[in-house]
Amino acid sequence: MSGRVLRLVCAAAVVAAGIVGPAGGARSAPEPEATELAAPGAKSVGDLLAELQKLYRAAERATETYNTTAEQLKEQTAETRRKNGELARTRLLLTDSRLAAGRLARQQYQSASGFDGYVRLLLAADPQTALDQKHVVGRLARERVETVGRLAADERKADQLATAARKALDKQQVLAGKRKKQRDAAVTKLKAVEKLLASVSADELAELRKLEASGADAAQEELLASGALPGPGGTAAASRGGAAAVRWARTQLGRPYASGASGPEAYDAPGFVAAAWQRAGVPVARTGRGQWESLPKVPLRQARPGDVVVYGPDAAHVALYAGEGKVLAPRPGGRVELAPVAGRGAVLGLVRPDAVSPDAD
């Protein structure tokens, strides 16, 4: 074994992507140490790996930010649509109220005087006729009051809704502009990953992948030794939904990563998880943070296929637990692949999309 390869193997042990801490939280692994320089002034493979992992995290954070704004825009667009629909219905009611007020005005004009009814009441031939006429006059007066009141109320409501609809549209347009900027930022981060991978030689890339795999294996061994993750043969049986999600996810192996994508041609990590569980009939949030905050949390040692492993303090990366210590997910610059749980970063925790469904156990 050459001295260079030996040093690479020794350095691999420190490239742990993430270990679960004693209290169930995450402890970041140390950055990989530098290995032998390929040429004066050039970066070592360890430095390249550290830079690549940093770019992975930056790209996923940018994607998470973009996805969050995209979801907000979707909700705001629906809210704007609701406001416009309510405004349209109110304007129809306002038109009816104005027609009724017009009929009232014509009736008053034709009767020449608002006192005609009372004059007829006073000149009635008998008490019963007087009472009947009094009832008619009272009813007409109430109708006039109700018509005027309804018209005024509809006008106020239409004005309020028109203002609310304008504000909703303004907010929608602001979010649309914000989403575009964040989309551009996510694409820029992703291109940085691709640029770095394209800048290294085939031999360097092979060494980089080998070093990364060695670090992930070392981190996985430590995770298993801690008892925080089920060991070989210790994975619990999947629920019906979890099995369906994993079965579909395996058919997507090799699909490329793309920021903001949720299939079918490409995915980002939260989009991939959401798509997998959608196939199982369970809707989940579109963002990593949303999945972490909205789904029931389960200890990592109780992981079963279909559960969602969440990474990093910002929950920017997620992956579908496939069983036997492996997860399925794409990552920036790569494709959907099967990888060790510890190979994707510091584990924040585990959530279970179908924990409350009838077939969860």
Protein backbone atom coordinates (compact mmCIF):
# COMPACT_ATOMS: atom_id res chain seq x y z
CA MET A 1 0.00 0.00 0.00
CA SER A 2 1.46 3.40 -0.97
CA GLY A 3 2.06 6.09 1.62
CA ARG A 4 -0.55 8.32 -0.06
CA VAL A 5 -3.30 5.71 0.08
CA LEU A 6 -2.37 4.83 3.67
CA ARG A 7 -2.69 8.46 4.70
CA LEU A 8 -6.07 8.70 2.93
CA VAL A 9 -7.40 5.70 4.81
CA CYS A 10 -6.17 7.06 8.13
CA ALA A 11 -7.76 10.44 7.43
CA ALA A 12 -11.07 8.83 6.49
CA ALA A 13 -11.90 7.99 10.08
CA VAL A 14 -12.30 11.67 10.93
CA VAL A 15 -14.70 12.45 8.08
CA ALA A 16 -17.80 11.53 10.09
CA ALA A 17 -20.85 13.21 8.65
CA GLY A 18 -22.78 13.20 11.96
CA ILE A 19 -23.28 11.29 15.20
CA VAL A 20 -26.33 11.24 17.47
CA GLY A 21 -25.43 12.62 20.88
CA PRO A 22 -26.21 11.02 24.25
CA ALA A 23 -29.40 13.02 24.71
CA GLY A 24 -30.75 12.19 21.29
CA GLY A 25 -29.51 15.41 19.71
CA ALA A 26 -26.88 15.77 17.04
CA ARG A 27 -23.15 16.23 17.41
CA SER A 28 -21.28 17.44 14.37
CA ALA A 29 -18.26 15.42 13.33
CA PRO A 30 -14.89 17.14 12.92
CA GLU A 31 -13.91 18.40 9.51
CA PRO A 32 -11.66 15.98 7.55
CA GLU A 33 -7.95 16.47 8.03
CA ALA A 34 -5.81 17.47 5.11
CA THR A 35 -4.05 14.67 3.26
CA GLU A 36 -1.05 14.81 1.00
CA LEU A 37 -1.11 17.66 -1.50
CA ALA A 38 -1.33 16.59 -5.12
CA ALA A 39 0.87 19.51 -6.21
CA PRO A 40 2.35 22.66 -4.67
CA GLY A 41 -0.49 25.05 -3.83
CA ALA A 42 -3.20 22.52 -4.71
CA LYS A 43 -5.92 21.43 -2.29
CA SER A 44 -5.67 18.03 -0.63
CA VAL A 45 -8.42 15.47 -1.08
CA GLY A 46 -9.42 16.07 2.54
CA ASP A 47 -9.72 19.80 1.90
CA LEU A 48 -11.78 19.13 -1.21
CA LEU A 49 -14.11 16.87 0.76
CA ALA A 50 -14.51 19.48 3.51
CA GLU A 51 -15.31 22.12 0.90
CA LEU A 52 -17.74 19.80 -0.89
CA GLN A 53 -19.60 19.00 2.33
CA LYS A 54 -19.81 22.72 3.09
CA LEU A 55 -21.27 23.33 -0.36
CA TYR A 56 -23.77 20.50 0.15
CA ARG A 57 -25.05 22.16 3.31
CA ALA A 58 -25.20 25.61 1.70
CA ALA A 59 -27.13 24.28 -1.30
CA GLU A 60 -29.61 22.44 0.90
CA ARG A 61 -30.15 25.47 3.13
CA ALA A 62 -30.78 27.62 0.06
CA THR A 63 -33.19 25.00 -1.30
CA GLU A 64 -35.02 24.82 2.03
CA THR A 65 -35.40 28.62 2.07
CA TYR A 66 -36.69 28.60 -1.49
CA ASN A 67 -39.15 25.77 -0.77
CA THR A 68 -40.46 27.56 2.32
CA THR A 69 -41.19 30.72 0.32
CA ALA A 70 -42.70 28.66 -2.50
CA GLU A 71 -45.13 27.08 -0.01
CA GLN A 72 -45.98 30.51 1.41
CA LEU A 73 -46.63 31.77 -2.10
CA LYS A 74 -48.89 28.81 -2.82
CA GLU A 75 -50.93 29.55 0.32
CA GLN A 76 -51.04 33.26 -0.46
CA THR A 77 -52.16 32.62 -4.03
CA ALA A 78 -55.03 30.51 -2.68
CA GLU A 79 -55.89 33.25 -0.18
CA THR A 80 -55.92 35.86 -2.95
CA ARG A 81 -58.20 33.62 -4.99
CA ARG A 82 -60.56 33.23 -2.01
CA LYS A 83 -60.65 36.98 -1.42
CA ASN A 84 -61.41 37.68 -5.07
CA GLY A 85 -64.15 35.04 -5.08
CA GLU A 86 -65.75 36.50 -1.95
CA LEU A 87 -65.51 39.99 -3.44
CA ALA A 88 -67.23 38.82 -6.64
CA ARG A 89 -70.08 37.24 -4.64
CA THR A 90 -70.48 40.37 -2.52
CA ARG A 91 -70.60 42.55 -5.61
CA LEU A 92 -73.45 40.40 -6.95
CA LEU A 93 -75.32 40.89 -3.67
CA LEU A 94 -74.59 44.60 -3.87
CA THR A 95 -76.08 44.69 -7.38
CA ASP A 96 -79.25 43.00 -6.06
CA SER A 97 -79.42 45.47 -3.17
CA ARG A 98 -79.07 48.41 -5.53
CA LEU A 99 -81.85 47.02 -7.76
CA ALA A 100 -84.08 46.66 -4.70
CA ALA A 101 -83.26 50.22 -3.65
CA GLY A 102 -84.11 51.40 -7.16
CA ARG A 103 -87.50 49.71 -7.00
CA LEU A 104 -88.09 51.34 -3.62
CA ALA A 105 -87.25 54.76 -5.02
CA ARG A 106 -89.66 54.27 -7.93
CA GLN A 107 -92.44 53.19 -5.57
CA GLN A 108 -91.92 56.28 -3.45
CA TYR A 109 -91.95 58.49 -6.52
CA GLN A 110 -95.14 56.88 -7.88
CA SER A 111 -96.93 57.21 -4.54
CA ALA A 112 -96.09 60.97 -4.62
CA SER A 113 -96.01 61.14 -0.83
CA GLY A 114 -94.85 58.98 2.00
CA PHE A 115 -98.01 60.00 3.91
CA ASP A 116 -100.51 58.51 1.39
CA GLY A 117 -100.69 55.24 3.29
CA TYR A 118 -101.38 57.00 6.58
CA VAL A 119 -104.06 59.22 4.97
CA ARG A 120 -105.81 56.10 3.64
CA LEU A 121 -105.56 54.63 7.12
CA LEU A 122 -107.30 57.62 8.69
CA LEU A 123 -110.09 57.55 6.08
CA ALA A 124 -110.82 53.85 6.45
CA ALA A 125 -114.58 52.98 6.70
CA ASP A 126 -114.32 50.56 9.65
CA PRO A 127 -111.81 49.59 12.38
CA GLN A 128 -110.88 46.22 10.83
CA THR A 129 -109.98 47.81 7.51
CA ALA A 130 -107.95 50.39 9.43
CA LEU A 131 -106.03 47.64 11.21
CA ASP A 132 -105.37 45.78 7.96
CA GLN A 133 -104.09 48.92 6.29
CA LYS A 134 -101.93 49.70 9.32
CA HIS A 135 -100.30 46.25 9.00
CA VAL A 136 -99.59 46.80 5.29
CA VAL A 137 -98.11 50.25 5.88
CA GLY A 138 -95.91 48.88 8.70
CA ARG A 139 -94.67 46.02 6.57
CA LEU A 140 -93.78 48.33 3.69
CA ALA A 141 -91.91 50.64 6.08
CA ARG A 142 -89.92 47.72 7.47
CA GLU A 143 -89.05 46.53 3.97
CA ARG A 144 -87.78 50.01 3.10
CA VAL A 145 -85.60 50.14 6.22
CA GLU A 146 -84.25 46.62 5.56
CA THR A 147 -83.51 47.42 1.92
CA VAL A 148 -81.60 50.58 2.77
CA GLY A 149 -79.73 48.81 5.58
CA ARG A 150 -78.81 45.87 3.37
CA LEU A 151 -77.55 48.19 0.66
CA ALA A 152 -75.35 50.09 3.12
CA ALA A 153 -73.98 46.86 4.64
CA ASP A 154 -73.20 45.36 1.21
CA GLU A 155 -71.40 48.54 0.16
CA ARG A 156 -69.27 48.49 3.31
CA LYS A 157 -68.46 44.79 2.89
CA ALA A 158 -67.58 45.25 -0.78
CA ASP A 159 -65.20 48.11 0.09
CA GLN A 160 -63.55 46.06 2.83
CA LEU A 161 -63.14 43.02 0.60
CA ALA A 162 -61.76 45.12 -2.24
CA THR A 163 -59.10 46.46 0.13
CA ALA A 164 -58.32 42.96 1.46
CA ALA A 165 -58.08 41.56 -2.08
CA ARG A 166 -55.63 44.30 -3.09
CA LYS A 167 -53.48 43.61 -0.02
CA ALA A 168 -53.55 39.86 -0.70
CA LEU A 169 -52.45 40.43 -4.28
CA ASP A 170 -49.67 42.78 -3.15
CA LYS A 171 -48.40 40.16 -0.70
CA GLN A 172 -48.57 37.51 -3.41
CA GLN A 173 -46.48 39.63 -5.75
CA VAL A 174 -43.89 40.29 -3.02
CA LEU A 175 -43.61 36.58 -2.32
CA ALA A 176 -43.31 35.83 -6.03
CA GLY A 177 -40.36 38.21 -6.29
CA LYS A 178 -38.80 36.76 -3.15
CA ARG A 179 -39.23 33.22 -4.47
CA LYS A 180 -37.46 34.11 -7.72
CA LYS A 181 -34.46 35.55 -5.85
CA GLN A 182 -34.26 32.52 -3.58
CA ARG A 183 -34.61 30.20 -6.55
CA ASP A 184 -31.66 31.94 -8.18
CA ALA A 185 -29.67 31.64 -4.94
CA ALA A 186 -30.40 27.91 -4.69
CA VAL A 187 -29.37 27.37 -8.31
CA THR A 188 -26.14 29.31 -7.68
CA LYS A 189 -25.31 27.12 -4.67
CA LEU A 190 -26.05 23.98 -6.63
CA LYS A 191 -23.84 25.11 -9.49
CA ALA A 192 -21.01 25.65 -7.01
CA VAL A 193 -21.25 21.96 -6.06
CA GLU A 194 -21.27 20.92 -9.70
CA LYS A 195 -18.36 23.23 -10.50
CA LEU A 196 -16.22 21.76 -7.74
CA LEU A 197 -16.97 18.20 -8.81
CA ALA A 198 -16.16 19.09 -12.43
CA SER A 199 -12.88 20.76 -11.45
CA VAL A 200 -11.20 17.63 -10.08
CA SER A 201 -9.61 14.88 -12.10
CA ALA A 202 -11.09 11.40 -12.34
CA ASP A 203 -8.44 10.06 -9.96
CA GLU A 204 -9.05 12.84 -7.44
CA LEU A 205 -12.80 12.29 -7.66
CA ALA A 206 -12.34 8.58 -7.02
CA GLU A 207 -10.14 9.33 -4.00
CA LEU A 208 -12.63 11.93 -2.77
CA ARG A 209 -15.53 9.45 -2.99
CA LYS A 210 -13.45 6.78 -1.26
CA LEU A 211 -12.51 9.14 1.56
CA GLU A 212 -16.12 10.24 1.94
CA ALA A 213 -17.34 6.64 2.06
CA SER A 214 -14.71 5.69 4.61
CA GLY A 215 -15.73 8.61 6.83
CA ALA A 216 -19.41 7.68 6.53
CA ASP A 217 -18.64 4.05 7.43
CA ALA A 218 -16.67 5.15 10.49
CA ALA A 219 -19.50 7.43 11.60
CA GLN A 220 -22.02 4.64 11.01
CA GLU A 221 -20.03 2.21 13.15
CA GLU A 222 -19.91 4.73 15.98
CA LEU A 223 -23.64 5.36 15.66
CA LEU A 224 -24.39 1.64 15.80
CA ALA A 225 -22.01 1.12 18.73
CA SER A 226 -23.81 3.86 20.67
CA GLY A 227 -27.08 1.92 20.41
CA ALA A 228 -28.84 4.95 18.93
CA LEU A 229 -29.54 3.12 15.66
CA PRO A 230 -30.92 -0.42 15.18
CA GLY A 231 -28.15 -2.82 14.21
CA PRO A 232 -28.22 -5.41 11.40
CA GLY A 233 -31.35 -7.53 11.75
CA GLY A 234 -32.78 -5.18 14.36
CA THR A 235 -34.97 -3.06 12.09
CA ALA A 236 -38.64 -3.12 13.05
CA ALA A 237 -41.19 -4.24 10.48
CA ALA A 238 -42.55 -1.49 8.26
CA SER A 239 -46.16 -0.37 8.38
CA ARG A 240 -48.18 -0.80 5.21
CA GLY A 241 -47.67 2.87 4.36
CA GLY A 242 -43.96 2.78 5.17
CA ALA A 243 -43.43 -0.29 3.03
CA ALA A 244 -45.25 1.36 0.12
CA ALA A 245 -43.19 4.55 0.48
CA VAL A 246 -39.88 2.67 0.48
CA ARG A 247 -40.95 0.38 -2.35
CA TRP A 248 -41.69 3.38 -4.55
CA ALA A 249 -38.56 5.23 -3.41
CA ARG A 250 -36.36 2.35 -4.57
CA THR A 251 -37.79 2.69 -8.07
CA GLN A 252 -36.39 6.25 -8.14
CA LEU A 253 -32.75 5.29 -7.55
CA GLY A 254 -30.54 7.29 -9.89
CA ARG A 255 -32.95 10.21 -10.34
CA PRO A 256 -31.03 13.53 -10.23
CA TYR A 257 -31.19 16.23 -7.58
CA ALA A 258 -32.79 19.58 -8.46
CA SER A 259 -33.67 22.43 -6.09
CA GLY A 260 -37.42 22.82 -5.66
CA ALA A 261 -38.22 19.61 -7.57
CA SER A 262 -40.61 16.93 -6.36
CA GLY A 263 -40.60 14.63 -9.39
CA PRO A 264 -41.04 12.79 -11.49
CA GLU A 265 -37.79 13.57 -13.33
CA ALA A 266 -35.81 15.08 -10.44
CA TYR A 267 -36.12 15.76 -6.71
CA ASP A 268 -34.68 17.67 -3.82
CA ALA A 269 -34.59 15.76 -0.52
CA PRO A 270 -37.84 17.03 1.10
CA GLY A 271 -39.60 16.75 -2.26
CA PHE A 272 -38.44 13.14 -2.57
CA VAL A 273 -39.74 12.23 0.90
CA ALA A 274 -43.05 14.01 0.27
CA ALA A 275 -43.45 12.22 -3.08
CA ALA A 276 -42.73 8.82 -1.50
CA TRP A 277 -45.36 9.27 1.18
CA GLN A 278 -47.82 10.71 -1.30
CA ARG A 279 -47.62 7.36 -3.12
CA ALA A 280 -48.48 5.72 0.20
CA GLY A 281 -51.53 7.96 0.58
CA VAL A 282 -50.15 10.10 3.41
CA PRO A 283 -49.61 13.83 2.71
CA VAL A 284 -46.59 15.41 4.43
CA ALA A 285 -45.12 18.90 4.40
CA ARG A 286 -43.05 19.96 1.39
CA THR A 287 -40.13 21.33 3.42
CA GLY A 288 -37.66 19.63 5.75
CA ARG A 289 -38.53 22.02 8.57
CA GLY A 290 -42.22 21.41 7.99
CA GLN A 291 -41.73 17.64 8.15
CA TRP A 292 -39.73 17.92 11.36
CA GLU A 293 -42.20 20.23 13.06
CA SER A 294 -45.46 18.64 11.94
CA LEU A 295 -44.80 14.89 12.16
CA PRO A 296 -44.66 12.72 15.32
CA LYS A 297 -41.12 12.23 16.61
CA VAL A 298 -39.79 8.74 17.29
CA PRO A 299 -36.46 7.68 18.87
CA LEU A 300 -33.88 6.80 16.22
CA ARG A 301 -33.32 3.40 17.83
CA GLN A 302 -36.96 2.56 16.97
CA ALA A 303 -36.54 3.42 13.27
CA ARG A 304 -38.50 1.36 10.80
CA PRO A 305 -38.69 1.57 6.98
CA GLY A 306 -40.56 4.64 5.80
CA ASP A 307 -39.61 6.85 8.73
CA VAL A 308 -37.98 10.18 7.90
CA VAL A 309 -34.46 10.90 9.17
CA VAL A 310 -33.96 14.66 9.64
CA TYR A 311 -30.48 16.21 9.52
CA GLY A 312 -28.85 19.38 10.78
CA PRO A 313 -30.12 22.00 13.24
CA ASP A 314 -32.09 23.66 10.46
CA ALA A 315 -33.66 20.40 9.17
CA ALA A 316 -32.50 21.33 5.67
CA HIS A 317 -31.82 17.71 4.69
CA VAL A 318 -34.12 14.72 5.13
CA ALA A 319 -34.02 11.12 3.94
CA LEU A 320 -36.30 8.10 3.90
CA TYR A 321 -35.20 5.29 6.21
CA ALA A 322 -34.96 2.12 4.14
CA GLY A 323 -34.03 -0.29 6.95
CA GLU A 324 -30.77 -1.92 8.10
CA GLY A 325 -29.16 1.43 8.82
CA LYS A 326 -29.62 2.85 5.31
CA VAL A 327 -31.52 5.84 3.93
CA LEU A 328 -32.78 6.85 0.49
CA ALA A 329 -32.54 10.44 -0.76
CA PRO A 330 -30.87 12.65 -3.36
CA ARG A 331 -28.36 15.35 -2.47
CA PRO A 332 -26.98 18.39 -4.33
CA GLY A 333 -24.88 17.45 -7.33
CA GLY A 334 -25.90 13.82 -7.01
CA ARG A 335 -28.76 11.40 -7.47
CA VAL A 336 -31.18 9.38 -5.39
CA GLU A 337 -29.02 6.78 -3.69
CA LEU A 338 -28.91 4.33 -0.80
CA ALA A 339 -26.49 5.55 1.89
CA PRO A 340 -25.65 4.95 5.57
CA VAL A 341 -27.75 6.98 8.00
CA ALA A 342 -24.60 8.68 9.34
CA GLY A 343 -23.39 9.51 5.85
CA ARG A 344 -25.70 12.47 5.36
CA GLY A 345 -24.74 14.74 8.24
CA ALA A 346 -25.58 15.33 11.89
CA VAL A 347 -28.84 13.59 12.74
CA LEU A 348 -31.45 15.90 14.27
CA GLY A 349 -34.00 13.15 14.82
CA LEU A 350 -36.60 10.83 13.35
CA VAL A 351 -40.25 11.45 12.46
CA ARG A 352 -42.99 9.03 11.40
CA PRO A 353 -45.59 10.20 8.84
CA ASP A 354 -48.09 7.41 9.55
CA ALA A 355 -47.74 7.30 13.33
CA VAL A 356 -51.43 8.16 13.74
CA SER A 357 -52.80 6.11 10.84
CA PRO A 358 -54.77 2.88 11.47
CA ASP A 359 -51.96 0.67 10.14
CA ALA A 360 -49.14 2.44 11.98
CA ASP A 361 -48.32 -0.48 14.24
